[in-house]
Amino acid sequence: MVQTRSSAKRPQVPGGSSSSTGTDGSQPAARPRGAKNPREAISTRQTTMATNMEPEMQSDSDRNLLTPSPFSLFESPSSSPLFNQASSRSSTVSPLPEDVVQVANATVSAPASGTNRARKRWTVDMNKFIWRTYLIATKLNTSKLYLDHLHHEFTVKYPQMEASRQRLGDQCRAIIRNKLLPQNILDDIKNDVTLLLRQAQSEPAAQSLVSFPIPNTQGQRRKWTTEYNESIIRNYYKITELGENRSAYRRPFYQAVVGEYPELSEVSEQRISDQLRVILNNRMISEHRLAEIRDEVANGLSSCRSNAESSLTAEEAQPSRNSLEPTPQVLESQLHTSMELQDIRLISDNFEDDQIKDQFKTSFEKFRDSDPTTRPYIPKQKTSRKQAQILQYINTHILPHYIKADQNFETTHTIIYCAAYTAAICNGTKIREGDYPPTQNKRRVPAWQRRLQKKILDIRKDIARMTEYIKGNRSNRLIKLVEVIKNKNQIHSQHEVPNTSNEHFLDTLKQKLNAAASRLQRYVNCTLRKTQNSQFSKNQKQFYRNLSMNTQHFRTPENIVPAAPSDLLHDFWSSVWSDPVQHNSDAEWLRASCNSTDKITPMEYDHIPLDVFMYVLKKAHNWKAPGSDRIHNYWYKKLTSIHPVLYNHINSFIQTPELVPRFVTQGLTFMIPKDADYRDPSKYRPITCLQTVYKILTACIAELIYKHSTNNKILAEEQKGCRKGSQGCKEQLIIDSVAMKHAIGRKKDINTMYVDYCKAFDSVPHSWLLHVLRHYKVNHVLIQFLLNSMQHWTTKLKILGCQQIETSEIPIRRGIFQGDALSPLWFCLALNPLSHMLNSYATGFDIITPSKKVNLTHLMYMDDIKLYSSTPQSLHRLADITQAFSNDIHMKFGIDKCKTLSVKAGQIIPSSYILDSGETVEPLEPHTSYKYLGFQQARQINQKETKQELRQIFKHRLNALFRSQLNSRNVSQAINSYAVPVLTYSFGLINWSQSDLLNLQRMINTSLTTHRKHHPRSCVQRMTLSRDEGGRGIIDIRNLHNKQITTLRNYFYTYSEHSALHETVILADKHYTPLNLVDRNPQRSERITDVREKIAAWQQKSLHGRHRHDLQQPYVDKEMSNAWLRRGVANSSQRRKLS
């Protein structure tokens, strides 16, 4: 269509001004090649189209009612008979404006040249309906909001047209402009609508005819009427058979509701389901009315079933013509609903029968004879209802047909893997062959980012060229390039005059650069926000690791140069693990220690108790890293059908160790670099992943051995490494603080020595490990099983990075096979004789109180040992005992980390210790400290330096979190789980005053404000309230500290009833530690500010208290008002504006 400008005043039409483009937004049609003028070209094309029209589309009524239009937007044959008339008088000029809307369907875009498309035809009835609906919606042109109403009503009546809102508006204007309806018909429609509107004002029955619900497309909140709510409840009961069958009900439920109320078609399926929960949770329908609807649906379903059964019986007994008669509408609807339910069940059954069964069968045939250590890695599965249904079906319908009581473990293991593999595949997981675990590929820059970066680079080049051009450095090449730049940037914006001077062009380029850079940053932040929030919800540990790597001056894992070659790794660690050694069985202390075990009752064992087996499975972490067989704990826990046979296999393994397959005792060791020296194989920390079934088996054994050691009080009181219910390192540090301050406060001499072993876990001889079990009278059946397993311990070393490195198998002939629940307990038992030897000499430091005295010789946490004595000579005696014990079991001191400390009359006196090997344990210098169990200390813990260091780390982690793109809820959760734990370990050991704790809490608020995530004048109390109460859910640091003080005090008071050491520490602690144990009265540091006090303080505020006051009103649903806080999808800056 050729665009022309008409000087005549256009008539006023509904919808406002006209458009110069086509009704679908397309550009005017170009002039055909060879035409003399636009009108001649269009007239010629219309003549051709008229000859191709279908005869049935040329109705007389259309010719009488419609006015010919000389233009067309398409080259395809027209559906209007008007073009027959136009072809006979092509030279006639239409009196109408040339830019009027044509009688064409605007939803069909203009085809390219050379293509023909049939257009949809607007009938007279459609035009009448459009004009009538327009008058009703606008109340006879008194309102401008009509498109939503018109589009909805037209779509319901003529769905085959698929007309858009804009197209209907254009057609409405075309009815007036092109006179598509005669004036008398327009007047009749207007009179009818006027009469209808008058009736609506006086008669409520007619109100529904003119008050149609308008679809909500403008973002306004929809009002859910009682009719809507009751329809939702009624259809829910019908589809789910009164809530008894909720399998795949959402789709038919949504269709039923929309079928009853078509105006709800704009609402999503999820929104209908949400409204169902809102109705039930908020009791928007009374219990009495719900019971009525339920009874009504129940009667309908029962009559539907009975009628369906009777009709089927009659049809089978005597077919007649009466059976072909249509059923009543209600019965037909009920039968349709019942058939839909049957179809859903059939589809579900077919899905389970066909997909799950076939997938399991295929997987079992594929993996039944394969090596368990070469199977594909199964990724972590997200918990969902679908996943639970798949597992339930596998447990009940598939596994019972494959599991046999007499099958070997290899078959059972294959069945477990195939069940896990099938469940993952049917749950939509993509499993890649041969990846363990799937390595992180190098991050690729997306195409949009490359385009923007290239655009920014080009603009920078243009700016540099224009700058040089303005300075006068004008070469011929630069002049040509500047001309091109000016031609591309003549227009600065549509609201300003074109650029004329060089400075104007340069300003335009700089603003384009600023806009492009801002867009790039905005897009990158958006992508980063999605990535980080997704990773945080799936794997917080990996998110924190990446966060710490990005905030330190370390190279990222993608850029790490490959470590030492596999042969160097293999040779070094083979020398550590593969050379067997024997402990000194003729040691004098060993013969003497045999007499100390006479009171130990021999351990009884018949089989693993079932309750122990189930307890171990229950407490196992679902997604702990598996071994080389790729089966996580999750599958052993959820595949309940295999529990009986797995329990039998475990008991048979212990009774007959020869039945254990070789791969069960094979580990996979990941080498984690300790520092930047990646070429040194000794600078790696080995983390071994064992087979899950082996960890389950050894965990059961560990439970039995720990129970045996507890009943016989085998573990020394000084060892807190694997003691259940203890306070661990904190307990040892509190005892150490009391002992050191007791000596300094009373000006007593004290001598200590820090002992550190070199590769303690990796150097214990197997002979000593077995001897310890016999020494403490562990049952011989368990010892024989462990002996047999130790003979087959092997592992492979693996380094992940840009290039994966994996070594051949390394036999483990020395050291403990780390990675299971038994190894910590076994190692503590291996060092336990040392504690008894040190205590037998009683040459330690005396903690004296008026009513109690105890001799403290050492404290031990796993392999971290600290010796105590009153004189240097007695300290050397204790060190000699420790050295002799270590030499006999072939464990070596890490000389670099061993230090001595001698305090005489409050002053540090250097005093070294020379080993039998000639090596010297150096003394601690007066102005230096030693890091013991995480804290730097000399005569005591350095309170001031430790506080400052913890503050810096705490603030560093806060800033790292706030610089990320986590949403509000994830930021609060990350503060609680990543930043606050830095401080938690110090509570009870460091003297944090209440003002210090308030400053730490204030540091969170100020950091949030600095990063524009918190309003500076927001309510302080809301920060530490839970999100259910309208807060942000951040931990109250002061309350956390005070609770820790109360917990530690109660622990010492309880444990002192059967421990002389703890009782003496309580009596000696006179403000030596923050616990102040000697005073059993409640301390000031134990006061807790509860939620009610915070809410009361919030309500008393004149400004912030208004929101809390509104939440307490009876007509306000507090739970739903705070639902957005629980979801937490808003980013932190949006949360700042709303709070």
Foldseek 3Di string as FASTA:
>chain_A
DDFDDDPDDDDDAAPDDADQAALLPHHADDQDPPDPDRLRRLLVLLCVLLVPEDVVLADPVQVVQFDADSGDRESARASYNSSVVCNVCSVDDDPAHPRAHDQFQSVDDYDDPPDHDYTDGQDPVNLLLLLLQQCLQCVNVVRNPRLQVSVLVCCVVCVVSVHDSSRSVSSRRCCVRRVSGPPVSSVVSNVVSVVLVVCVVVPVVSVCVSDADGAPPPPDDDDQDPVLLLQLLLLVCLLCVHVVRPQPRQPVSVVSSCVVPVSCVVPDSVVSVVVNVCCVVVVVDPPVVSVVSNVVSNVLLVVLVVVVVVLVVCCVVDNDPVNVDDDDPSSVVSVVSVVVNVVSVVVVVCCCVPQLVVQLVVQCVVPLPPDLLQWFFQDDDDDDPLLLVLLVCCLPPPVVVQDDQPDAVSSVLSSLVSSSVSSSVSVPHDIDGRPDDPFDDDDDDDPVLVVLVVVLVVLVVLLVLLVCVVVPVDDPVSVVVPVVLCVVQQCLDPVDHGDDDSVSSSVSSVVVSVVSVVVSVVVVQVVQLVVLQVCCVVPVPVSVVVLVCVLDPDDDQQPQDAFAAQVLLQVVVLVLFVDFDAFQPPDPLNVVVLVVQPPQDAADDDFQDPVLLLVLLVPADFADRAFSSNDGSVSVNSSVSCVVSLRVNLRVCLQPVVSDDLQQQEKAWEWAAQDSNRHDSVRTDTDIHGHPSNQSSVSSVQVSVVVSCVVVVQFDPLEPAPDPPDPAPLVVQLLLLLLLCLCQVVQAKKKKKKWFWDPLQRAFHPNLLLVLCVSSNYDVSNSVSVVSSLQSRWYWYWYDGNDIHIYDIRRGRGGDPDDHPNSQVSLSSSCRSLVVVQVVVLQFDWLDDPVAIDGAAWHDHRRTIMGMHRDPVSVLVSVQSVLVSCVSRVIGTPLVQMEMWIAGSNATDWDWHADPVRDIRGYDDRPAFHQGSHFTDHSHGPQVVLVVVLLVQLLSQLLSLLPGFHFLLSSQVCNQVPRLVSCLSCQFAHDQDPVNLVVSLVSNQVSCVVSLLADPPDQSLQQCDCLLLPHSNHHRRLQSSLVVLVVVLVVLVVVVVPDSSSVSSLSSQCVSIPNRSVDPDDDPSNDHDDPVNSLVVQLVDPPSNVVVVVCPDPVHDSRVVSVCSVVRPHHSNVVNVVD
